[in-house]
Amino acid sequence: MSIENLFDWLAGEVKWALFIALLVLLIVAAFKRAWIAMVGVVIGLAFIGMFIVKPDLIITLAEWLTGLLNFGGK
């Protein structure tokens, strides 16, 4: 078993652990009617969904933002 296989396995397990933890926090915040905390948890779930599940999205977002702000001088 190489270190790359170990890293891939660990990344997958961490992803699921974060999903489960944030879903539990979402349920707790909804039960307590802590609306601001619920918004924070939803933003955290969106972050995991966008950047951890599909990491290539970070590069796409950076290229789009660079083109929008015209950082390259083009």
C-alpha atoms as a PDB file:
ATOM      1  CA  MET A   1       0.000   0.000   0.000  1.00  0.00           C
ATOM      2  CA  SER A   2       1.613   3.229  -1.142  1.00  0.00           C
ATOM      3  CA  ILE A   3       1.345   6.582   0.590  1.00  0.00           C
ATOM      4  CA  GLU A   4      -0.865   7.912  -2.228  1.00  0.00           C
ATOM      5  CA  ASN A   5      -3.460   5.207  -1.609  1.00  0.00           C
ATOM      6  CA  LEU A   6      -3.381   5.994   2.102  1.00  0.00           C
ATOM      7  CA  PHE A   7      -3.848   9.694   1.387  1.00  0.00           C
ATOM      8  CA  ASP A   8      -6.799   9.035  -0.943  1.00  0.00           C
ATOM      9  CA  TRP A   9      -8.447   6.804   1.625  1.00  0.00           C
ATOM     10  CA  LEU A  10      -7.902   9.329   4.420  1.00  0.00           C
ATOM     11  CA  ALA A  11      -9.247  12.198   2.292  1.00  0.00           C
ATOM     12  CA  GLY A  12     -12.410  10.230   1.593  1.00  0.00           C
ATOM     13  CA  GLU A  13     -12.910   9.376   5.255  1.00  0.00           C
ATOM     14  CA  VAL A  14     -12.362  12.979   6.351  1.00  0.00           C
ATOM     15  CA  LYS A  15     -14.891  14.159   3.771  1.00  0.00           C
ATOM     16  CA  TRP A  16     -17.554  11.846   5.171  1.00  0.00           C
ATOM     17  CA  ALA A  17     -16.691  12.765   8.761  1.00  0.00           C
ATOM     18  CA  LEU A  18     -17.110  16.466   7.955  1.00  0.00           C
ATOM     19  CA  PHE A  19     -20.426  15.820   6.203  1.00  0.00           C
ATOM     20  CA  ILE A  20     -21.764  13.886   9.170  1.00  0.00           C
ATOM     21  CA  ALA A  21     -20.529  16.441  11.716  1.00  0.00           C
ATOM     22  CA  LEU A  22     -22.076  19.348   9.821  1.00  0.00           C
ATOM     23  CA  LEU A  23     -25.372  17.513   9.368  1.00  0.00           C
ATOM     24  CA  VAL A  24     -25.499  16.837  13.116  1.00  0.00           C
ATOM     25  CA  LEU A  25     -24.735  20.506  13.788  1.00  0.00           C
ATOM     26  CA  LEU A  26     -27.482  21.509  11.355  1.00  0.00           C
ATOM     27  CA  ILE A  27     -30.016  19.338  13.181  1.00  0.00           C
ATOM     28  CA  VAL A  28     -28.921  20.693  16.580  1.00  0.00           C
ATOM     29  CA  ALA A  29     -29.084  24.291  15.363  1.00  0.00           C
ATOM     30  CA  ALA A  30     -32.543  23.719  13.856  1.00  0.00           C
ATOM     31  CA  PHE A  31     -33.768  22.116  17.076  1.00  0.00           C
ATOM     32  CA  LYS A  32     -32.497  25.055  19.132  1.00  0.00           C
ATOM     33  CA  ARG A  33     -33.776  27.537  16.514  1.00  0.00           C
ATOM     34  CA  ALA A  34     -30.336  29.087  16.257  1.00  0.00           C
ATOM     35  CA  TRP A  35     -30.833  30.619  12.831  1.00  0.00           C
ATOM     36  CA  ILE A  36     -27.442  32.323  12.568  1.00  0.00           C
ATOM     37  CA  ALA A  37     -25.677  29.077  13.445  1.00  0.00           C
ATOM     38  CA  MET A  38     -27.790  27.261  10.856  1.00  0.00           C
ATOM     39  CA  VAL A  39     -26.691  29.714   8.173  1.00  0.00           C
ATOM     40  CA  GLY A  40     -23.058  29.121   9.146  1.00  0.00           C
ATOM     41  CA  VAL A  41     -23.519  25.362   8.971  1.00  0.00           C
ATOM     42  CA  VAL A  42     -25.206  25.608   5.562  1.00  0.00           C
ATOM     43  CA  ILE A  43     -22.285  27.716   4.313  1.00  0.00           C
ATOM     44  CA  GLY A  44     -19.914  25.069   5.688  1.00  0.00           C
ATOM     45  CA  LEU A  45     -21.819  22.325   3.871  1.00  0.00           C
ATOM     46  CA  ALA A  46     -21.680  24.357   0.660  1.00  0.00           C
ATOM     47  CA  PHE A  47     -17.922  24.820   1.112  1.00  0.00           C
ATOM     48  CA  ILE A  48     -17.431  21.088   1.551  1.00  0.00           C
ATOM     49  CA  GLY A  49     -19.668  20.350  -1.381  1.00  0.00           C
ATOM     50  CA  MET A  50     -17.849  22.714  -3.698  1.00  0.00           C
ATOM     51  CA  PHE A  51     -14.211  22.479  -2.719  1.00  0.00           C
ATOM     52  CA  ILE A  52     -13.608  19.177  -0.964  1.00  0.00           C
ATOM     53  CA  VAL A  53     -15.752  16.917  -3.138  1.00  0.00           C
ATOM     54  CA  LYS A  54     -14.589  18.568  -6.387  1.00  0.00           C
ATOM     55  CA  PRO A  55     -11.206  20.258  -5.757  1.00  0.00           C
ATOM     56  CA  ASP A  56     -10.758  21.280  -9.424  1.00  0.00           C
ATOM     57  CA  LEU A  57     -13.490  23.828  -8.840  1.00  0.00           C
ATOM     58  CA  ILE A  58     -11.017  26.027  -6.936  1.00  0.00           C
ATOM     59  CA  ILE A  59      -8.905  26.480 -10.087  1.00  0.00           C
ATOM     60  CA  THR A  60     -11.965  27.204 -12.216  1.00  0.00           C
ATOM     61  CA  LEU A  61     -13.224  29.759  -9.698  1.00  0.00           C
ATOM     62  CA  ALA A  62      -9.803  31.445  -9.498  1.00  0.00           C
ATOM     63  CA  GLU A  63      -9.543  31.701 -13.289  1.00  0.00           C
ATOM     64  CA  TRP A  64     -13.062  33.156 -13.510  1.00  0.00           C
ATOM     65  CA  LEU A  65     -12.338  35.705 -10.767  1.00  0.00           C
ATOM     66  CA  THR A  66      -9.019  36.697 -12.385  1.00  0.00           C
ATOM     67  CA  GLY A  67     -10.761  37.298 -15.695  1.00  0.00           C
ATOM     68  CA  LEU A  68     -13.527  39.243 -13.978  1.00  0.00           C
ATOM     69  CA  LEU A  69     -11.133  41.520 -12.092  1.00  0.00           C
ATOM     70  CA  ASN A  70      -8.711  41.811 -15.042  1.00  0.00           C
ATOM     71  CA  PHE A  71      -5.611  40.964 -12.965  1.00  0.00           C
ATOM     72  CA  GLY A  72      -3.648  39.733 -15.959  1.00  0.00           C
ATOM     73  CA  GLY A  73      -3.733  43.121 -17.731  1.00  0.00           C
ATOM     74  CA  LYS A  74      -5.473  41.628 -20.744  1.00  0.00           C
END
